[in-house]
Structures are given as C-alpha cells and as structure tokens.
Amino acid sequence: MRVRSRRSHVFEFKDGKISRESVWLDGAAIAAQLTAPAQAT
C-alpha cells in the first residue's frame, strides 16, 4: 500500500545557522488513506 502525505518543515536560524527544525505531518490524510476501503485494480 502506498500512502501520500504532505509535510511542512519550519527552520529557525541563530547566528546564520539552523538552530531548530520542526516538522508537521498531515496525520488526518494518512489515517484516511489507511482506513479507506481497498480499490480494485
């Protein structure tokens, strides 16, 4: 099964260098795909 989702990366910088990264996933979209009825191919 292949699942697609969007991610958002937010970087914080300090002194010109990356000091922190936050990543958000679209968990609702992933759950919807995992619980959807299988489609015939």
N, C-alpha and C. Protein backbone atom coordinates (compact mmCIF):
# COMPACT_ATOMS: atom_id res chain seq x y z
N MET A 1 0.85 -1.17 0.00
CA MET A 1 0.00 0.00 0.00
C MET A 1 0.90 1.24 0.00
N ARG A 2 0.59 2.15 -0.85
CA ARG A 2 1.32 3.42 -0.92
C ARG A 2 0.44 4.51 -0.32
N VAL A 3 1.03 5.30 0.56
CA VAL A 3 0.33 6.40 1.22
C VAL A 3 1.04 7.70 0.90
N ARG A 4 0.29 8.73 0.58
CA ARG A 4 0.88 10.04 0.30
C ARG A 4 0.45 11.02 1.38
N SER A 5 1.37 11.89 1.76
CA SER A 5 1.02 12.92 2.73
C SER A 5 1.88 14.15 2.50
N ARG A 6 1.42 15.24 3.04
CA ARG A 6 2.17 16.49 2.96
C ARG A 6 2.93 16.69 4.26
N ARG A 7 4.06 17.33 4.13
CA ARG A 7 4.86 17.68 5.30
C ARG A 7 5.22 19.14 5.23
N SER A 8 5.37 19.73 6.38
CA SER A 8 5.79 21.12 6.44
C SER A 8 7.02 21.19 7.34
N HIS A 9 8.10 21.73 6.81
CA HIS A 9 9.34 21.90 7.58
C HIS A 9 9.51 23.39 7.87
N VAL A 10 9.74 23.70 9.12
CA VAL A 10 9.98 25.08 9.53
C VAL A 10 11.34 25.12 10.21
N PHE A 11 12.21 25.96 9.69
CA PHE A 11 13.57 26.08 10.24
C PHE A 11 13.71 27.38 11.01
N GLU A 12 14.37 27.31 12.15
CA GLU A 12 14.73 28.50 12.91
C GLU A 12 16.24 28.66 12.80
N PHE A 13 16.65 29.90 12.67
CA PHE A 13 18.07 30.20 12.49
C PHE A 13 18.59 31.04 13.64
N LYS A 14 19.83 30.77 14.02
CA LYS A 14 20.52 31.57 15.03
C LYS A 14 21.95 31.75 14.57
N ASP A 15 22.39 32.96 14.50
CA ASP A 15 23.75 33.28 14.04
C ASP A 15 24.02 32.72 12.65
N GLY A 16 23.00 32.74 11.79
CA GLY A 16 23.17 32.29 10.42
C GLY A 16 23.18 30.78 10.22
N LYS A 17 22.92 30.02 11.28
CA LYS A 17 22.90 28.56 11.19
C LYS A 17 21.55 28.04 11.65
N ILE A 18 21.18 26.87 11.16
CA ILE A 18 19.93 26.25 11.58
C ILE A 18 20.07 25.85 13.05
N SER A 19 19.17 26.35 13.88
CA SER A 19 19.22 26.01 15.30
C SER A 19 18.09 25.05 15.70
N ARG A 20 17.07 24.98 14.86
CA ARG A 20 15.93 24.11 15.18
C ARG A 20 15.14 23.83 13.92
N GLU A 21 14.57 22.63 13.86
CA GLU A 21 13.69 22.27 12.76
C GLU A 21 12.43 21.64 13.35
N SER A 22 11.29 22.09 12.88
CA SER A 22 10.01 21.49 13.27
C SER A 22 9.37 20.91 12.01
N VAL A 23 8.80 19.72 12.15
CA VAL A 23 8.18 19.05 11.01
C VAL A 23 6.75 18.68 11.39
N TRP A 24 5.80 19.03 10.52
CA TRP A 24 4.41 18.67 10.73
C TRP A 24 3.96 17.76 9.60
N LEU A 25 3.24 16.70 9.97
CA LEU A 25 2.67 15.76 9.01
C LEU A 25 1.15 15.91 9.01
N ASP A 26 0.54 15.62 7.88
CA ASP A 26 -0.92 15.63 7.78
C ASP A 26 -1.44 14.25 8.21
N GLY A 27 -1.52 14.06 9.51
CA GLY A 27 -1.93 12.78 10.07
C GLY A 27 -3.33 12.37 9.69
N ALA A 28 -4.23 13.33 9.54
CA ALA A 28 -5.61 13.01 9.16
C ALA A 28 -5.65 12.42 7.76
N ALA A 29 -4.85 12.96 6.85
CA ALA A 29 -4.82 12.43 5.47
C ALA A 29 -4.25 11.01 5.46
N ILE A 30 -3.24 10.77 6.28
CA ILE A 30 -2.64 9.42 6.35
C ILE A 30 -3.66 8.43 6.90
N ALA A 31 -4.33 8.80 7.98
CA ALA A 31 -5.34 7.92 8.59
C ALA A 31 -6.47 7.62 7.62
N ALA A 32 -6.91 8.63 6.88
CA ALA A 32 -7.99 8.43 5.92
C ALA A 32 -7.59 7.43 4.84
N GLN A 33 -6.35 7.50 4.40
CA GLN A 33 -5.90 6.57 3.37
C GLN A 33 -5.74 5.15 3.91
N LEU A 34 -5.29 5.04 5.15
CA LEU A 34 -5.10 3.70 5.75
C LEU A 34 -6.41 3.01 6.09
N THR A 35 -7.47 3.79 6.31
CA THR A 35 -8.75 3.19 6.68
C THR A 35 -9.74 3.14 5.52
N ALA A 36 -9.35 3.66 4.36
CA ALA A 36 -10.25 3.65 3.19
C ALA A 36 -10.39 2.23 2.65
N PRO A 37 -11.56 1.90 2.12
CA PRO A 37 -11.73 0.58 1.51
C PRO A 37 -10.75 0.39 0.34
N ALA A 38 -10.27 -0.82 0.19
CA ALA A 38 -9.34 -1.12 -0.91
C ALA A 38 -10.04 -0.93 -2.25
N GLN A 39 -9.31 -0.38 -3.22
CA GLN A 39 -9.86 -0.20 -4.56
C GLN A 39 -9.41 -1.35 -5.44
N ALA A 40 -10.29 -1.82 -6.29
CA ALA A 40 -9.96 -2.88 -7.23
C ALA A 40 -9.07 -2.31 -8.34
N THR A 41 -8.09 -3.09 -8.76
CA THR A 41 -7.21 -2.64 -9.85
C THR A 41 -7.44 -3.46 -11.10
